[in-house]
Amino acid sequence: MITIIAGTNRPNSNTLKIANYYQAQLKLRGEDAKLFSLEQLPADVLNTDMFGKRSSAFEEIQDLITKTSKFIFVIPEYNGSFPGALKVLIDACDFPNSFYDKKAALVGISSGKYGNIRGIDHFTGVCHYIHLNVLPLRIHIPNIKQELDSLGNLFQEDTVKFTNEQIDKFVRY
């Protein structure tokens, strides 16, 4: 199973728009993908789901993560890295069963001109530590507000080309 993780808990984010775009592109290729937005994390996750504790709300999330064999992480730039909420998700999940020897593709986005290069590098380090195998083609989408049309679809020719290449490689990965 493929799960796309929109790596921020910010409501109505461009991250979620890109995650939806990837889900639609996978569907066009005959691939079913679940979408999980960090907006769905329990509000009190730091108190209810860390250090061996488990709420019923997080049990559903853990079940999704456990059943997933391939992840696509869409990760916005937060303060030169990735959002803390994404690290909380990783930390709250069972280790090593959640991610060990599974596969992932990484997509960085930013409103600036670098497409979250540093954050994707930081998150790659986390992936390596938890033995999550990262597709070598990592995508960086800068100036995200200029990349999306009014329906939330990518339309810039270069970006569409590179995201299609990543998606095709990920399907075969």
C-alpha atoms as a PDB file:
ATOM      1  CA  MET A   1       0.000   0.000   0.000  1.00  0.00           C
ATOM      2  CA  ILE A   2       1.145   3.545  -0.785  1.00  0.00           C
ATOM      3  CA  THR A   3       0.489   6.344   1.683  1.00  0.00           C
ATOM      4  CA  ILE A   4       1.126  10.005   0.905  1.00  0.00           C
ATOM      5  CA  ILE A   5       1.926  12.051   3.996  1.00  0.00           C
ATOM      6  CA  ALA A   6       1.254  15.790   3.850  1.00  0.00           C
ATOM      7  CA  GLY A   7       4.024  16.810   6.239  1.00  0.00           C
ATOM      8  CA  THR A   8       2.452  19.758   8.040  1.00  0.00           C
ATOM      9  CA  ASN A   9      -0.481  20.276  10.371  1.00  0.00           C
ATOM     10  CA  ARG A  10      -1.157  23.729   8.875  1.00  0.00           C
ATOM     11  CA  PRO A  11      -4.797  23.929   7.673  1.00  0.00           C
ATOM     12  CA  ASN A  12      -5.403  24.409   3.923  1.00  0.00           C
ATOM     13  CA  SER A  13      -1.709  24.143   3.124  1.00  0.00           C
ATOM     14  CA  ASN A  14       0.030  24.045  -0.236  1.00  0.00           C
ATOM     15  CA  THR A  15       1.592  20.834   1.093  1.00  0.00           C
ATOM     16  CA  LEU A  16      -1.840  19.205   1.115  1.00  0.00           C
ATOM     17  CA  LYS A  17      -2.490  20.488  -2.416  1.00  0.00           C
ATOM     18  CA  ILE A  18       0.711  18.819  -3.642  1.00  0.00           C
ATOM     19  CA  ALA A  19      -0.161  15.626  -1.747  1.00  0.00           C
ATOM     20  CA  ASN A  20      -3.567  15.599  -3.464  1.00  0.00           C
ATOM     21  CA  TYR A  21      -1.844  16.189  -6.813  1.00  0.00           C
ATOM     22  CA  TYR A  22       0.445  13.193  -6.254  1.00  0.00           C
ATOM     23  CA  GLN A  23      -2.542  11.059  -5.249  1.00  0.00           C
ATOM     24  CA  ALA A  24      -4.375  12.011  -8.461  1.00  0.00           C
ATOM     25  CA  GLN A  25      -1.276  11.309 -10.568  1.00  0.00           C
ATOM     26  CA  LEU A  26      -0.881   7.882  -8.982  1.00  0.00           C
ATOM     27  CA  LYS A  27      -4.541   7.135  -9.665  1.00  0.00           C
ATOM     28  CA  LEU A  28      -3.981   7.973 -13.352  1.00  0.00           C
ATOM     29  CA  ARG A  29      -1.282   5.278 -13.304  1.00  0.00           C
ATOM     30  CA  GLY A  30      -3.651   2.730 -11.766  1.00  0.00           C
ATOM     31  CA  GLU A  31      -2.154   3.029  -8.275  1.00  0.00           C
ATOM     32  CA  ASP A  32      -4.356   3.451  -5.222  1.00  0.00           C
ATOM     33  CA  ALA A  33      -2.798   5.678  -2.576  1.00  0.00           C
ATOM     34  CA  LYS A  34      -4.057   6.741   0.832  1.00  0.00           C
ATOM     35  CA  LEU A  35      -3.491  10.312   1.934  1.00  0.00           C
ATOM     36  CA  PHE A  36      -2.660  11.254   5.509  1.00  0.00           C
ATOM     37  CA  SER A  37      -2.394  14.902   6.507  1.00  0.00           C
ATOM     38  CA  LEU A  38      -0.697  15.795   9.765  1.00  0.00           C
ATOM     39  CA  GLU A  39      -3.805  17.901  10.425  1.00  0.00           C
ATOM     40  CA  GLN A  40      -5.272  14.516  11.455  1.00  0.00           C
ATOM     41  CA  LEU A  41      -2.795  14.004  14.298  1.00  0.00           C
ATOM     42  CA  PRO A  42      -4.458  14.015  17.722  1.00  0.00           C
ATOM     43  CA  ALA A  43      -4.232  17.534  19.140  1.00  0.00           C
ATOM     44  CA  ASP A  44      -2.594  16.242  22.324  1.00  0.00           C
ATOM     45  CA  VAL A  45      -0.296  13.706  20.602  1.00  0.00           C
ATOM     46  CA  LEU A  46       2.740  14.741  22.667  1.00  0.00           C
ATOM     47  CA  ASN A  47       0.953  13.744  25.878  1.00  0.00           C
ATOM     48  CA  THR A  48      -1.141  10.822  24.666  1.00  0.00           C
ATOM     49  CA  ASP A  49       1.010   8.919  22.167  1.00  0.00           C
ATOM     50  CA  MET A  50       4.659   9.185  23.072  1.00  0.00           C
ATOM     51  CA  PHE A  51       6.940   6.851  25.043  1.00  0.00           C
ATOM     52  CA  GLY A  52       4.808   3.732  24.710  1.00  0.00           C
ATOM     53  CA  LYS A  53       1.435   5.345  25.389  1.00  0.00           C
ATOM     54  CA  ARG A  54      -1.218   4.927  22.698  1.00  0.00           C
ATOM     55  CA  SER A  55      -4.590   6.670  22.294  1.00  0.00           C
ATOM     56  CA  SER A  56      -7.380   5.141  20.239  1.00  0.00           C
ATOM     57  CA  ALA A  57      -7.098   8.075  17.819  1.00  0.00           C
ATOM     58  CA  PHE A  58      -3.444   7.296  17.159  1.00  0.00           C
ATOM     59  CA  GLU A  59      -4.067   3.547  16.906  1.00  0.00           C
ATOM     60  CA  GLU A  60      -5.801   4.200  13.559  1.00  0.00           C
ATOM     61  CA  ILE A  61      -2.808   6.212  12.358  1.00  0.00           C
ATOM     62  CA  GLN A  62      -0.393   3.532  13.536  1.00  0.00           C
ATOM     63  CA  ASP A  63      -2.428   0.898  11.711  1.00  0.00           C
ATOM     64  CA  LEU A  64      -2.201   2.919   8.468  1.00  0.00           C
ATOM     65  CA  ILE A  65       1.556   3.359   8.877  1.00  0.00           C
ATOM     66  CA  THR A  66       2.087  -0.329   9.670  1.00  0.00           C
ATOM     67  CA  LYS A  67       0.125  -1.460   6.594  1.00  0.00           C
ATOM     68  CA  THR A  68       1.982   0.941   4.283  1.00  0.00           C
ATOM     69  CA  SER A  69       4.893  -0.433   2.271  1.00  0.00           C
ATOM     70  CA  LYS A  70       5.693   2.772   0.330  1.00  0.00           C
ATOM     71  CA  PHE A  71       5.446   6.379   1.493  1.00  0.00           C
ATOM     72  CA  ILE A  72       5.516   9.690  -0.325  1.00  0.00           C
ATOM     73  CA  PHE A  73       6.379  12.534   2.035  1.00  0.00           C
ATOM     74  CA  VAL A  74       5.477  16.052   0.887  1.00  0.00           C
ATOM     75  CA  ILE A  75       7.472  18.304   3.179  1.00  0.00           C
ATOM     76  CA  PRO A  76       7.325  22.103   3.426  1.00  0.00           C
ATOM     77  CA  GLU A  77      10.260  24.170   4.623  1.00  0.00           C
ATOM     78  CA  TYR A  78       9.916  25.295   8.212  1.00  0.00           C
ATOM     79  CA  ASN A  79      12.799  27.389   9.560  1.00  0.00           C
ATOM     80  CA  GLY A  80      15.330  25.856   7.183  1.00  0.00           C
ATOM     81  CA  SER A  81      14.256  22.260   7.842  1.00  0.00           C
ATOM     82  CA  PHE A  82      11.104  20.147   8.092  1.00  0.00           C
ATOM     83  CA  PRO A  83       8.104  20.661  10.407  1.00  0.00           C
ATOM     84  CA  GLY A  84       8.317  19.452  13.988  1.00  0.00           C
ATOM     85  CA  ALA A  85       4.907  17.828  13.577  1.00  0.00           C
ATOM     86  CA  LEU A  86       6.447  15.432  11.053  1.00  0.00           C
ATOM     87  CA  LYS A  87       9.158  14.446  13.538  1.00  0.00           C
ATOM     88  CA  VAL A  88       6.452  13.937  16.174  1.00  0.00           C
ATOM     89  CA  LEU A  89       4.681  11.507  13.823  1.00  0.00           C
ATOM     90  CA  ILE A  90       7.897   9.537  13.298  1.00  0.00           C
ATOM     91  CA  ASP A  91       8.659   9.531  17.037  1.00  0.00           C
ATOM     92  CA  ALA A  92       5.129   8.466  18.035  1.00  0.00           C
ATOM     93  CA  CYS A  93       5.076   5.492  15.643  1.00  0.00           C
ATOM     94  CA  ASP A  94       6.250   2.059  16.766  1.00  0.00           C
ATOM     95  CA  PHE A  95       9.929   1.446  16.134  1.00  0.00           C
ATOM     96  CA  PRO A  96      11.202  -0.412  14.200  1.00  0.00           C
ATOM     97  CA  ASN A  97       7.997  -1.919  12.717  1.00  0.00           C
ATOM     98  CA  SER A  98       6.558   1.284  11.275  1.00  0.00           C
ATOM     99  CA  PHE A  99       9.195   2.180   8.687  1.00  0.00           C
ATOM    100  CA  TYR A 100      11.950  -0.438   8.766  1.00  0.00           C
ATOM    101  CA  ASP A 101      12.963  -1.621   5.264  1.00  0.00           C
ATOM    102  CA  LYS A 102      10.041   0.163   3.622  1.00  0.00           C
ATOM    103  CA  LYS A 103      10.374   2.663   0.745  1.00  0.00           C
ATOM    104  CA  ALA A 104       9.860   6.405   0.466  1.00  0.00           C
ATOM    105  CA  ALA A 105       9.902   9.259  -2.017  1.00  0.00           C
ATOM    106  CA  LEU A 106      10.539  12.799  -0.791  1.00  0.00           C
ATOM    107  CA  VAL A 107       9.083  16.029  -2.178  1.00  0.00           C
ATOM    108  CA  GLY A 108      10.232  19.347  -0.739  1.00  0.00           C
ATOM    109  CA  ILE A 109       8.306  22.567  -1.197  1.00  0.00           C
ATOM    110  CA  SER A 110       8.927  26.141  -0.171  1.00  0.00           C
ATOM    111  CA  SER A 111       7.694  29.630  -0.833  1.00  0.00           C
ATOM    112  CA  GLY A 112      11.349  30.609  -1.290  1.00  0.00           C
ATOM    113  CA  LYS A 113      13.710  29.713  -4.078  1.00  0.00           C
ATOM    114  CA  TYR A 114      15.296  26.461  -2.869  1.00  0.00           C
ATOM    115  CA  GLY A 115      12.389  24.026  -2.505  1.00  0.00           C
ATOM    116  CA  ASN A 116      13.346  22.898   0.999  1.00  0.00           C
ATOM    117  CA  ILE A 117      16.675  21.368  -0.012  1.00  0.00           C
ATOM    118  CA  ARG A 118      18.009  21.489   3.547  1.00  0.00           C
ATOM    119  CA  GLY A 119      14.835  20.083   5.105  1.00  0.00           C
ATOM    120  CA  ILE A 120      14.780  17.185   2.653  1.00  0.00           C
ATOM    121  CA  ASP A 121      18.429  16.473   3.477  1.00  0.00           C
ATOM    122  CA  HIS A 122      17.620  16.556   7.210  1.00  0.00           C
ATOM    123  CA  PHE A 123      14.626  14.255   6.743  1.00  0.00           C
ATOM    124  CA  THR A 124      16.705  11.887   4.591  1.00  0.00           C
ATOM    125  CA  GLY A 125      19.001  11.480   7.594  1.00  0.00           C
ATOM    126  CA  VAL A 126      16.024  10.544   9.767  1.00  0.00           C
ATOM    127  CA  CYS A 127      14.855   8.077   7.098  1.00  0.00           C
ATOM    128  CA  HIS A 128      18.268   6.426   7.003  1.00  0.00           C
ATOM    129  CA  TYR A 129      18.297   6.086  10.775  1.00  0.00           C
ATOM    130  CA  ILE A 130      14.924   4.308  10.828  1.00  0.00           C
ATOM    131  CA  HIS A 131      15.943   2.172   7.807  1.00  0.00           C
ATOM    132  CA  LEU A 132      13.413   3.762   5.467  1.00  0.00           C
ATOM    133  CA  ASN A 133      14.832   3.415   1.941  1.00  0.00           C
ATOM    134  CA  VAL A 134      14.663   6.713   0.049  1.00  0.00           C
ATOM    135  CA  LEU A 135      14.218   6.907  -3.719  1.00  0.00           C
ATOM    136  CA  PRO A 136      17.325   8.727  -4.996  1.00  0.00           C
ATOM    137  CA  LEU A 137      15.252  11.187  -7.078  1.00  0.00           C
ATOM    138  CA  ARG A 138      14.152  13.732  -4.498  1.00  0.00           C
ATOM    139  CA  ILE A 139      12.064  16.628  -5.826  1.00  0.00           C
ATOM    140  CA  HIS A 140      12.392  20.250  -4.687  1.00  0.00           C
ATOM    141  CA  ILE A 141       9.635  22.664  -5.700  1.00  0.00           C
ATOM    142  CA  PRO A 142      10.525  26.311  -4.973  1.00  0.00           C
ATOM    143  CA  ASN A 143       8.177  29.287  -5.200  1.00  0.00           C
ATOM    144  CA  ILE A 144       5.238  26.973  -4.619  1.00  0.00           C
ATOM    145  CA  LYS A 145       2.638  29.726  -4.988  1.00  0.00           C
ATOM    146  CA  GLN A 146       3.761  30.209  -8.598  1.00  0.00           C
ATOM    147  CA  GLU A 147       3.645  26.465  -9.321  1.00  0.00           C
ATOM    148  CA  LEU A 148      -0.027  25.786  -8.528  1.00  0.00           C
ATOM    149  CA  ASP A 149      -3.051  26.709 -10.615  1.00  0.00           C
ATOM    150  CA  SER A 150      -6.400  27.705  -9.096  1.00  0.00           C
ATOM    151  CA  LEU A 151      -7.397  24.023  -8.781  1.00  0.00           C
ATOM    152  CA  GLY A 152      -4.232  23.096  -6.862  1.00  0.00           C
ATOM    153  CA  ASN A 153      -2.531  21.363  -9.776  1.00  0.00           C
ATOM    154  CA  LEU A 154       1.051  21.802 -10.862  1.00  0.00           C
ATOM    155  CA  PHE A 155       1.261  23.411 -14.279  1.00  0.00           C
ATOM    156  CA  GLN A 156       4.842  24.595 -14.845  1.00  0.00           C
ATOM    157  CA  GLU A 157       6.300  22.358 -17.566  1.00  0.00           C
ATOM    158  CA  ASP A 158       9.609  21.594 -15.802  1.00  0.00           C
ATOM    159  CA  THR A 159       7.936  20.755 -12.503  1.00  0.00           C
ATOM    160  CA  VAL A 160       5.337  18.512 -14.136  1.00  0.00           C
ATOM    161  CA  LYS A 161       8.112  16.730 -16.051  1.00  0.00           C
ATOM    162  CA  PHE A 162      10.232  16.068 -12.953  1.00  0.00           C
ATOM    163  CA  THR A 163       7.318  15.072 -10.711  1.00  0.00           C
ATOM    164  CA  ASN A 164       6.110  12.660 -13.405  1.00  0.00           C
ATOM    165  CA  GLU A 165       9.588  11.156 -13.584  1.00  0.00           C
ATOM    166  CA  GLN A 166       9.665  10.749  -9.806  1.00  0.00           C
ATOM    167  CA  ILE A 167       6.186   9.207  -9.699  1.00  0.00           C
ATOM    168  CA  ASP A 168       7.020   6.742 -12.494  1.00  0.00           C
ATOM    169  CA  LYS A 169      10.242   5.701 -10.754  1.00  0.00           C
ATOM    170  CA  PHE A 170       8.439   5.398  -7.423  1.00  0.00           C
ATOM    171  CA  VAL A 171       5.794   3.095  -8.879  1.00  0.00           C
ATOM    172  CA  ARG A 172       8.588   0.811 -10.123  1.00  0.00           C
ATOM    173  CA  TYR A 173      10.644   1.176  -6.894  1.00  0.00           C
END
